Amino acid sequence: MRGHTIIELSVMLSLAAITAASLAPAARGYRDRAAVLAAREAVVGLLGDARAAAMEHGGGIVRLEAAPWRAWSLARVTAGDSVLREVPLEADLGVGVELPGGRTTSEIAYGPLGVGRFANETLRFRRGAATSGLVVSSYGRVRRR
C-alpha cells in the first residue's frame, strides 16, 4: 500500500502552519520597508522632473502635501499652471510624509537654471515601523537616509 496516513498529513500541515505564522510578521515588515523606499524614490523622481521642467519652462515646483489627521499625502510637480506628474503616496503606497516643523505643505521650487530656491528640507516617510528620510539641499542635491 502506498501513500500517507491522515496523521502524517495532519502533522505536516500543522508544521507548515506554524512556520507560516512565524514568518508573517517579518514579511509584513519587509512590505512596509519596500513601500517606504518606493515612496522616497518616487519623490526623488519628482524632484528630478521639477529640475528638468525648471530648465525647460523657466521654473518648476514640487509640492508636498501631508495631512496626517486624514492619513493623506500627495506629491505633485508643476511647471507654470500645468501639473506634470502627481503621486498620491498614501493612496498608492500607504506611506505618510512628515514635513519639518509640523507643516502640512511644503514647496520645493527650482529656478530657470535648475537650482533650488528654498532652504534645505528634510522629509521623513513612514509606514508602520518602517521609516526613511530624504534631505534636499537648497542646490537641489538629494541625500537618502
Protein backbone atom coordinates (compact mmCIF):
# COMPACT_ATOMS: atom_id res chain seq x y z
CA MET A 1 0.00 0.00 0.00
CA ARG A 2 1.35 3.43 -0.97
CA GLY A 3 0.60 6.93 0.31
CA HIS A 4 0.46 8.75 3.59
CA THR A 5 -1.78 8.33 6.57
CA ILE A 6 -4.09 11.07 7.78
CA ILE A 7 -1.90 11.51 10.88
CA GLU A 8 1.21 12.13 8.77
CA LEU A 9 -0.64 14.65 6.64
CA SER A 10 -2.03 16.50 9.67
CA VAL A 11 1.43 16.69 11.26
CA MET A 12 2.90 18.14 8.05
CA LEU A 13 0.08 20.66 7.73
CA SER A 14 0.46 21.78 11.34
CA LEU A 15 4.23 22.24 10.87
CA ALA A 16 3.60 24.28 7.74
CA ALA A 17 1.06 26.45 9.60
CA ILE A 18 3.48 27.07 12.48
CA THR A 19 6.24 28.04 10.05
CA ALA A 20 3.95 30.39 8.12
CA ALA A 21 2.72 32.04 11.34
CA SER A 22 6.28 32.71 12.49
CA LEU A 23 7.26 34.27 9.13
CA ALA A 24 4.22 36.56 8.73
CA PRO A 25 5.47 39.48 10.92
CA ALA A 26 8.81 39.55 9.10
CA ALA A 27 7.06 39.57 5.72
CA ARG A 28 4.86 42.49 6.83
CA GLY A 29 7.97 44.43 7.90
CA TYR A 30 9.61 43.84 4.52
CA ARG A 31 6.45 45.00 2.74
CA ASP A 32 6.36 48.21 4.82
CA ARG A 33 10.05 48.88 4.17
CA ALA A 34 9.62 48.35 0.42
CA ALA A 35 6.65 50.75 0.31
CA VAL A 36 8.60 53.43 2.21
CA LEU A 37 11.57 53.12 -0.14
CA ALA A 38 9.26 53.23 -3.18
CA ALA A 39 7.64 56.44 -1.90
CA ARG A 40 11.04 58.01 -1.22
CA GLU A 41 12.29 57.15 -4.71
CA ALA A 42 9.05 58.46 -6.26
CA VAL A 43 9.70 61.83 -4.61
CA VAL A 44 13.32 61.75 -5.81
CA GLY A 45 11.98 61.20 -9.33
CA LEU A 46 9.59 64.13 -8.92
CA LEU A 47 12.47 66.34 -7.83
CA GLY A 48 14.37 65.38 -10.98
CA ASP A 49 11.29 66.10 -13.10
CA ALA A 50 10.93 69.51 -11.43
CA ARG A 51 14.55 70.42 -12.18
CA ALA A 52 14.14 69.38 -15.81
CA ALA A 53 10.87 71.33 -16.06
CA ALA A 54 12.54 74.35 -14.49
CA MET A 55 15.24 74.40 -17.15
CA GLU A 56 12.69 73.87 -19.92
CA HIS A 57 9.84 76.13 -18.74
CA GLY A 58 11.67 78.64 -16.56
CA GLY A 59 10.57 77.19 -13.23
CA GLY A 60 9.37 74.00 -11.58
CA ILE A 61 7.84 73.22 -8.21
CA VAL A 62 7.42 70.03 -6.21
CA ARG A 63 4.54 70.45 -3.78
CA LEU A 64 4.26 68.01 -0.92
CA GLU A 65 1.01 67.87 0.98
CA ALA A 66 0.76 65.88 4.18
CA ALA A 67 -2.38 65.72 6.28
CA PRO A 68 -1.67 63.13 8.98
CA TRP A 69 -5.03 63.59 10.66
CA ARG A 70 -6.69 62.45 7.42
CA ALA A 71 -3.98 59.88 6.56
CA TRP A 72 -3.41 61.59 3.23
CA SER A 73 -0.25 62.62 1.45
CA LEU A 74 0.46 63.72 -2.12
CA ALA A 75 3.47 64.83 -4.15
CA ARG A 76 2.99 66.89 -7.33
CA VAL A 77 5.28 68.51 -9.94
CA THR A 78 4.08 71.69 -11.63
CA ALA A 79 5.54 73.99 -14.24
CA GLY A 80 3.65 77.21 -14.70
CA ASP A 81 -0.05 76.39 -14.39
CA SER A 82 0.17 72.77 -15.56
CA VAL A 83 0.60 69.68 -13.39
CA LEU A 84 3.27 67.46 -14.95
CA ARG A 85 3.07 64.48 -12.63
CA GLU A 86 1.34 63.55 -9.40
CA VAL A 87 1.97 60.70 -6.95
CA PRO A 88 -0.64 60.04 -4.25
CA LEU A 89 1.72 58.47 -1.70
CA GLU A 90 -0.94 57.46 0.82
CA ALA A 91 -3.45 56.10 -1.69
CA ASP A 92 -0.95 54.19 -3.86
CA LEU A 93 1.65 53.07 -1.33
CA GLY A 94 0.10 53.63 2.09
CA VAL A 95 3.03 55.85 3.07
CA GLY A 96 2.74 59.06 5.05
CA VAL A 97 5.10 62.02 4.77
CA GLU A 98 6.24 64.05 7.77
CA LEU A 99 7.37 67.56 6.98
CA PRO A 100 9.69 69.58 9.21
CA GLY A 101 8.16 71.84 11.82
CA GLY A 102 4.81 70.05 11.75
CA ARG A 103 3.85 71.77 8.49
CA THR A 104 1.19 70.26 6.25
CA THR A 105 2.53 71.59 2.93
CA SER A 106 5.97 72.21 1.51
CA GLU A 107 7.05 73.61 -1.84
CA ILE A 108 10.46 72.88 -3.30
CA ALA A 109 10.97 75.35 -6.16
CA TYR A 110 13.65 75.36 -8.85
CA GLY A 111 14.70 78.37 -10.91
CA PRO A 112 15.48 78.52 -14.65
CA LEU A 113 18.97 77.07 -14.13
CA GLY A 114 17.67 74.07 -12.18
CA VAL A 115 18.97 75.45 -8.90
CA GLY A 116 16.71 75.39 -5.89
CA ARG A 117 15.06 78.48 -4.43
CA PHE A 118 14.37 77.15 -0.95
CA ALA A 119 16.03 76.29 2.33
CA ASN A 120 17.16 72.73 2.98
CA GLU A 121 14.26 70.32 3.51
CA THR A 122 14.27 67.09 5.47
CA LEU A 123 11.41 64.75 4.63
CA ARG A 124 10.50 61.63 6.61
CA PHE A 125 8.49 58.79 5.06
CA ARG A 126 6.68 56.38 7.37
CA ARG A 127 4.58 53.23 7.13
CA GLY A 128 4.13 51.05 10.18
CA ALA A 129 7.51 50.74 11.90
CA ALA A 130 9.46 51.41 8.68
CA THR A 131 10.87 54.90 8.13
CA SER A 132 13.21 56.53 5.67
CA GLY A 133 14.50 60.07 5.26
CA LEU A 134 15.33 62.36 2.40
CA VAL A 135 17.37 65.55 2.70
CA VAL A 136 17.05 68.02 -0.19
CA SER A 137 19.65 70.77 -0.22
CA SER A 138 18.95 74.27 -1.48
CA TYR A 139 21.06 73.48 -4.57
CA GLY A 140 18.79 70.55 -5.43
CA ARG A 141 21.06 67.75 -4.28
CA VAL A 142 19.34 64.79 -2.66
CA ARG A 143 20.67 62.63 0.17
CA ARG A 144 18.86 59.48 1.20
CA ARG A 145 18.83 58.49 4.89
